[in-house]
Amino acid sequence: MNGAPCVRDLRLTVRRVLEALATYTDRNELRREYPELEDEDIRQVLEYAARNLPDKTLVFDQA
């Protein structure tokens, strides 16, 4: 996966799982699309992202 951090031994990058979490707001839909993902995988992806993102405030437009 070109050195990108991955979930367990799955061919899913942390970035792809984060994108999927944003896309599939319903966890049941997410599980249908990625049945190999476990709750612990999702928790660890979120933890990894939280630890590795800079701690700064971003302002998003309310369009």
PDB file of N, CA and C in Angstrom:
ATOM      1  N   MET A   1       0.827  -1.181   0.000  1.00  0.00           N
ATOM      2  CA  MET A   1       0.000   0.000   0.000  1.00  0.00           C
ATOM      3  C   MET A   1       0.881   1.259   0.000  1.00  0.00           C
ATOM      4  N   ASN A   2       2.054   1.126  -0.584  1.00  0.00           N
ATOM      5  CA  ASN A   2       2.982   2.260  -0.745  1.00  0.00           C
ATOM      6  C   ASN A   2       3.363   2.929   0.560  1.00  0.00           C
ATOM      7  N   GLY A   3       3.475   2.162   1.626  1.00  0.00           N
ATOM      8  CA  GLY A   3       3.907   2.697   2.908  1.00  0.00           C
ATOM      9  C   GLY A   3       2.824   3.376   3.717  1.00  0.00           C
ATOM     10  N   ALA A   4       1.597   3.410   3.214  1.00  0.00           N
ATOM     11  CA  ALA A   4       0.499   4.033   3.955  1.00  0.00           C
ATOM     12  C   ALA A   4       0.105   3.136   5.127  1.00  0.00           C
ATOM     13  N   PRO A   5      -0.257   3.737   6.260  1.00  0.00           N
ATOM     14  CA  PRO A   5      -0.678   2.905   7.392  1.00  0.00           C
ATOM     15  C   PRO A   5      -1.963   2.148   7.049  1.00  0.00           C
ATOM     16  N   CYS A   6      -1.979   0.872   7.416  1.00  0.00           N
ATOM     17  CA  CYS A   6      -3.107  -0.002   7.082  1.00  0.00           C
ATOM     18  C   CYS A   6      -3.747  -0.581   8.331  1.00  0.00           C
ATOM     19  N   VAL A   7      -4.935  -1.088   8.156  1.00  0.00           N
ATOM     20  CA  VAL A   7      -5.668  -1.749   9.224  1.00  0.00           C
ATOM     21  C   VAL A   7      -5.254  -3.217   9.238  1.00  0.00           C
ATOM     22  N   ARG A   8      -4.787  -3.662  10.399  1.00  0.00           N
ATOM     23  CA  ARG A   8      -4.349  -5.053  10.577  1.00  0.00           C
ATOM     24  C   ARG A   8      -3.609  -5.548   9.346  1.00  0.00           C
ATOM     25  N   ASP A   9      -3.967  -6.736   8.896  1.00  0.00           N
ATOM     26  CA  ASP A   9      -3.358  -7.295   7.685  1.00  0.00           C
ATOM     27  C   ASP A   9      -4.325  -7.178   6.511  1.00  0.00           C
ATOM     28  N   LEU A  10      -5.258  -6.246   6.611  1.00  0.00           N
ATOM     29  CA  LEU A  10      -6.203  -5.996   5.527  1.00  0.00           C
ATOM     30  C   LEU A  10      -5.571  -5.041   4.527  1.00  0.00           C
ATOM     31  N   ARG A  11      -6.051  -5.048   3.330  1.00  0.00           N
ATOM     32  CA  ARG A  11      -5.553  -4.109   2.332  1.00  0.00           C
ATOM     33  C   ARG A  11      -6.433  -2.854   2.334  1.00  0.00           C
ATOM     34  N   LEU A  12      -6.606  -2.313   3.516  1.00  0.00           N
ATOM     35  CA  LEU A  12      -7.376  -1.089   3.716  1.00  0.00           C
ATOM     36  C   LEU A  12      -6.491  -0.087   4.439  1.00  0.00           C
ATOM     37  N   THR A  13      -6.326   1.077   3.852  1.00  0.00           N
ATOM     38  CA  THR A  13      -5.526   2.107   4.514  1.00  0.00           C
ATOM     39  C   THR A  13      -6.362   2.838   5.556  1.00  0.00           C
ATOM     40  N   VAL A  14      -5.676   3.452   6.486  1.00  0.00           N
ATOM     41  CA  VAL A  14      -6.340   4.275   7.490  1.00  0.00           C
ATOM     42  C   VAL A  14      -7.132   5.370   6.786  1.00  0.00           C
ATOM     43  N   ARG A  15      -6.548   5.968   5.773  1.00  0.00           N
ATOM     44  CA  ARG A  15      -7.230   7.034   5.041  1.00  0.00           C
ATOM     45  C   ARG A  15      -8.539   6.531   4.424  1.00  0.00           C
ATOM     46  N   ARG A  16      -8.508   5.358   3.812  1.00  0.00           N
ATOM     47  CA  ARG A  16      -9.722   4.815   3.171  1.00  0.00           C
ATOM     48  C   ARG A  16     -10.811   4.559   4.197  1.00  0.00           C
ATOM     49  N   VAL A  17     -10.436   4.055   5.360  1.00  0.00           N
ATOM     50  CA  VAL A  17     -11.432   3.801   6.397  1.00  0.00           C
ATOM     51  C   VAL A  17     -12.007   5.122   6.908  1.00  0.00           C
ATOM     52  N   LEU A  18     -11.177   6.136   7.069  1.00  0.00           N
ATOM     53  CA  LEU A  18     -11.686   7.449   7.479  1.00  0.00           C
ATOM     54  C   LEU A  18     -12.645   8.004   6.438  1.00  0.00           C
ATOM     55  N   GLU A  19     -12.305   7.859   5.170  1.00  0.00           N
ATOM     56  CA  GLU A  19     -13.197   8.314   4.101  1.00  0.00           C
ATOM     57  C   GLU A  19     -14.522   7.541   4.144  1.00  0.00           C
ATOM     58  N   ALA A  20     -14.444   6.248   4.397  1.00  0.00           N
ATOM     59  CA  ALA A  20     -15.651   5.422   4.471  1.00  0.00           C
ATOM     60  C   ALA A  20     -16.515   5.836   5.664  1.00  0.00           C
ATOM     61  N   LEU A  21     -15.886   6.151   6.783  1.00  0.00           N
ATOM     62  CA  LEU A  21     -16.640   6.606   7.950  1.00  0.00           C
ATOM     63  C   LEU A  21     -17.378   7.902   7.659  1.00  0.00           C
ATOM     64  N   ALA A  22     -16.765   8.769   6.874  1.00  0.00           N
ATOM     65  CA  ALA A  22     -17.418  10.029   6.505  1.00  0.00           C
ATOM     66  C   ALA A  22     -18.532   9.796   5.491  1.00  0.00           C
ATOM     67  N   THR A  23     -18.358   8.831   4.615  1.00  0.00           N
ATOM     68  CA  THR A  23     -19.331   8.551   3.558  1.00  0.00           C
ATOM     69  C   THR A  23     -20.538   7.780   4.082  1.00  0.00           C
ATOM     70  N   TYR A  24     -20.274   6.734   4.851  1.00  0.00           N
ATOM     71  CA  TYR A  24     -21.336   5.874   5.373  1.00  0.00           C
ATOM     72  C   TYR A  24     -21.626   6.258   6.816  1.00  0.00           C
ATOM     73  N   THR A  25     -22.507   7.221   6.995  1.00  0.00           N
ATOM     74  CA  THR A  25     -22.828   7.657   8.357  1.00  0.00           C
ATOM     75  C   THR A  25     -23.576   6.580   9.133  1.00  0.00           C
ATOM     76  N   ASP A  26     -24.199   5.661   8.437  1.00  0.00           N
ATOM     77  CA  ASP A  26     -24.863   4.525   9.064  1.00  0.00           C
ATOM     78  C   ASP A  26     -23.854   3.377   9.148  1.00  0.00           C
ATOM     79  N   ARG A  27     -23.530   2.974  10.370  1.00  0.00           N
ATOM     80  CA  ARG A  27     -22.522   1.919  10.541  1.00  0.00           C
ATOM     81  C   ARG A  27     -22.939   0.601   9.899  1.00  0.00           C
ATOM     82  N   ASN A  28     -24.229   0.330   9.798  1.00  0.00           N
ATOM     83  CA  ASN A  28     -24.677  -0.902   9.143  1.00  0.00           C
ATOM     84  C   ASN A  28     -24.335  -0.883   7.662  1.00  0.00           C
ATOM     85  N   GLU A  29     -24.470   0.271   7.033  1.00  0.00           N
ATOM     86  CA  GLU A  29     -24.066   0.408   5.626  1.00  0.00           C
ATOM     87  C   GLU A  29     -22.561   0.191   5.487  1.00  0.00           C
ATOM     88  N   LEU A  30     -21.817   0.785   6.390  1.00  0.00           N
ATOM     89  CA  LEU A  30     -20.359   0.623   6.379  1.00  0.00           C
ATOM     90  C   LEU A  30     -19.996  -0.856   6.508  1.00  0.00           C
ATOM     91  N   ARG A  31     -20.667  -1.554   7.396  1.00  0.00           N
ATOM     92  CA  ARG A  31     -20.379  -2.984   7.588  1.00  0.00           C
ATOM     93  C   ARG A  31     -20.746  -3.816   6.360  1.00  0.00           C
ATOM     94  N   ARG A  32     -21.795  -3.412   5.648  1.00  0.00           N
ATOM     95  CA  ARG A  32     -22.150  -4.130   4.408  1.00  0.00           C
ATOM     96  C   ARG A  32     -21.069  -3.914   3.342  1.00  0.00           C
ATOM     97  N   GLU A  33     -20.549  -2.705   3.277  1.00  0.00           N
ATOM     98  CA  GLU A  33     -19.513  -2.388   2.280  1.00  0.00           C
ATOM     99  C   GLU A  33     -18.155  -2.987   2.654  1.00  0.00           C
ATOM    100  N   TYR A  34     -17.849  -3.003   3.939  1.00  0.00           N
ATOM    101  CA  TYR A  34     -16.558  -3.509   4.429  1.00  0.00           C
ATOM    102  C   TYR A  34     -16.796  -4.516   5.558  1.00  0.00           C
ATOM    103  N   PRO A  35     -17.276  -5.713   5.231  1.00  0.00           N
ATOM    104  CA  PRO A  35     -17.612  -6.688   6.281  1.00  0.00           C
ATOM    105  C   PRO A  35     -16.398  -7.162   7.089  1.00  0.00           C
ATOM    106  N   GLU A  36     -15.214  -6.971   6.547  1.00  0.00           N
ATOM    107  CA  GLU A  36     -14.007  -7.408   7.248  1.00  0.00           C
ATOM    108  C   GLU A  36     -13.604  -6.457   8.375  1.00  0.00           C
ATOM    109  N   LEU A  37     -14.148  -5.244   8.394  1.00  0.00           N
ATOM    110  CA  LEU A  37     -13.820  -4.275   9.437  1.00  0.00           C
ATOM    111  C   LEU A  37     -14.533  -4.628  10.738  1.00  0.00           C
ATOM    112  N   GLU A  38     -13.792  -4.598  11.803  1.00  0.00           N
ATOM    113  CA  GLU A  38     -14.361  -4.843  13.127  1.00  0.00           C
ATOM    114  C   GLU A  38     -14.428  -3.521  13.889  1.00  0.00           C
ATOM    115  N   ASP A  39     -15.233  -3.480  14.934  1.00  0.00           N
ATOM    116  CA  ASP A  39     -15.353  -2.265  15.739  1.00  0.00           C
ATOM    117  C   ASP A  39     -13.993  -1.807  16.256  1.00  0.00           C
ATOM    118  N   GLU A  40     -13.161  -2.737  16.668  1.00  0.00           N
ATOM    119  CA  GLU A  40     -11.824  -2.383  17.173  1.00  0.00           C
ATOM    120  C   GLU A  40     -10.967  -1.766  16.079  1.00  0.00           C
ATOM    121  N   ASP A  41     -11.111  -2.225  14.840  1.00  0.00           N
ATOM    122  CA  ASP A  41     -10.377  -1.619  13.719  1.00  0.00           C
ATOM    123  C   ASP A  41     -10.755  -0.150  13.578  1.00  0.00           C
ATOM    124  N   ILE A  42     -12.046   0.129  13.640  1.00  0.00           N
ATOM    125  CA  ILE A  42     -12.529   1.503  13.492  1.00  0.00           C
ATOM    126  C   ILE A  42     -12.021   2.365  14.642  1.00  0.00           C
ATOM    127  N   ARG A  43     -12.067   1.836  15.851  1.00  0.00           N
ATOM    128  CA  ARG A  43     -11.570   2.575  17.008  1.00  0.00           C
ATOM    129  C   ARG A  43     -10.086   2.904  16.844  1.00  0.00           C
ATOM    130  N   GLN A  44      -9.302   1.943  16.368  1.00  0.00           N
ATOM    131  CA  GLN A  44      -7.876   2.169  16.200  1.00  0.00           C
ATOM    132  C   GLN A  44      -7.578   3.146  15.060  1.00  0.00           C
ATOM    133  N   VAL A  45      -8.363   3.116  14.002  1.00  0.00           N
ATOM    134  CA  VAL A  45      -8.205   4.088  12.910  1.00  0.00           C
ATOM    135  C   VAL A  45      -8.428   5.493  13.440  1.00  0.00           C
ATOM    136  N   LEU A  46      -9.491   5.681  14.206  1.00  0.00           N
ATOM    137  CA  LEU A  46      -9.787   6.996  14.762  1.00  0.00           C
ATOM    138  C   LEU A  46      -8.701   7.443  15.736  1.00  0.00           C
ATOM    139  N   GLU A  47      -8.210   6.523  16.542  1.00  0.00           N
ATOM    140  CA  GLU A  47      -7.133   6.846  17.476  1.00  0.00           C
ATOM    141  C   GLU A  47      -5.865   7.237  16.713  1.00  0.00           C
ATOM    142  N   TYR A  48      -5.531   6.479  15.678  1.00  0.00           N
ATOM    143  CA  TYR A  48      -4.344   6.794  14.871  1.00  0.00           C
ATOM    144  C   TYR A  48      -4.455   8.193  14.260  1.00  0.00           C
ATOM    145  N   ALA A  49      -5.613   8.492  13.702  1.00  0.00           N
ATOM    146  CA  ALA A  49      -5.818   9.804  13.088  1.00  0.00           C
ATOM    147  C   ALA A  49      -5.701  10.911  14.135  1.00  0.00           C
ATOM    148  N   ALA A  50      -6.289  10.710  15.287  1.00  0.00           N
ATOM    149  CA  ALA A  50      -6.242  11.722  16.343  1.00  0.00           C
ATOM    150  C   ALA A  50      -4.810  11.974  16.814  1.00  0.00           C
ATOM    151  N   ARG A  51      -4.024  10.933  16.895  1.00  0.00           N
ATOM    152  CA  ARG A  51      -2.629  11.079  17.357  1.00  0.00           C
ATOM    153  C   ARG A  51      -1.719  11.691  16.302  1.00  0.00           C
ATOM    154  N   ASN A  52      -2.084  11.559  15.046  1.00  0.00           N
ATOM    155  CA  ASN A  52      -1.170  11.973  13.983  1.00  0.00           C
ATOM    156  C   ASN A  52      -1.582  13.231  13.233  1.00  0.00           C
ATOM    157  N   LEU A  53      -2.704  13.798  13.574  1.00  0.00           N
ATOM    158  CA  LEU A  53      -3.118  15.056  12.957  1.00  0.00           C
ATOM    159  C   LEU A  53      -2.633  16.212  13.815  1.00  0.00           C
ATOM    160  N   PRO A  54      -2.246  17.312  13.171  1.00  0.00           N
ATOM    161  CA  PRO A  54      -1.821  18.466  13.961  1.00  0.00           C
ATOM    162  C   PRO A  54      -2.984  18.999  14.794  1.00  0.00           C
ATOM    163  N   ASP A  55      -2.666  19.516  15.958  1.00  0.00           N
ATOM    164  CA  ASP A  55      -3.674  20.032  16.869  1.00  0.00           C
ATOM    165  C   ASP A  55      -3.919  21.509  16.569  1.00  0.00           C
ATOM    166  N   LYS A  56      -4.760  21.751  15.556  1.00  0.00           N
ATOM    167  CA  LYS A  56      -5.107  23.128  15.228  1.00  0.00           C
ATOM    168  C   LYS A  56      -6.579  23.190  14.852  1.00  0.00           C
ATOM    169  N   THR A  57      -7.131  24.367  14.918  1.00  0.00           N
ATOM    170  CA  THR A  57      -8.546  24.559  14.641  1.00  0.00           C
ATOM    171  C   THR A  57      -8.749  24.892  13.173  1.00  0.00           C
ATOM    172  N   LEU A  58      -9.690  24.202  12.543  1.00  0.00           N
ATOM    173  CA  LEU A  58     -10.056  24.488  11.157  1.00  0.00           C
ATOM    174  C   LEU A  58     -11.473  25.026  11.144  1.00  0.00           C
ATOM    175  N   VAL A  59     -11.689  26.061  10.369  1.00  0.00           N
ATOM    176  CA  VAL A  59     -13.017  26.652  10.267  1.00  0.00           C
ATOM    177  C   VAL A  59     -13.621  26.204   8.945  1.00  0.00           C
ATOM    178  N   PHE A  60     -14.796  25.603   9.021  1.00  0.00           N
ATOM    179  CA  PHE A  60     -15.499  25.138   7.835  1.00  0.00           C
ATOM    180  C   PHE A  60     -16.686  26.046   7.559  1.00  0.00           C
ATOM    181  N   ASP A  61     -16.915  26.342   6.299  1.00  0.00           N
ATOM    182  CA  ASP A  61     -18.079  27.151   5.928  1.00  0.00           C
ATOM    183  C   ASP A  61     -19.345  26.363   6.161  1.00  0.00           C
ATOM    184  N   GLN A  62     -20.361  27.031   6.617  1.00  0.00           N
ATOM    185  CA  GLN A  62     -21.671  26.414   6.834  1.00  0.00           C
ATOM    186  C   GLN A  62     -22.536  26.669   5.625  1.00  0.00           C
ATOM    187  N   ALA A  63     -22.234  26.022   4.510  1.00  0.00           N
ATOM    188  CA  ALA A  63     -22.974  26.255   3.253  1.00  0.00           C
ATOM    189  C   ALA A  63     -24.264  25.505   3.197  1.00  0.00           C
TER     190      ALA A  63
END
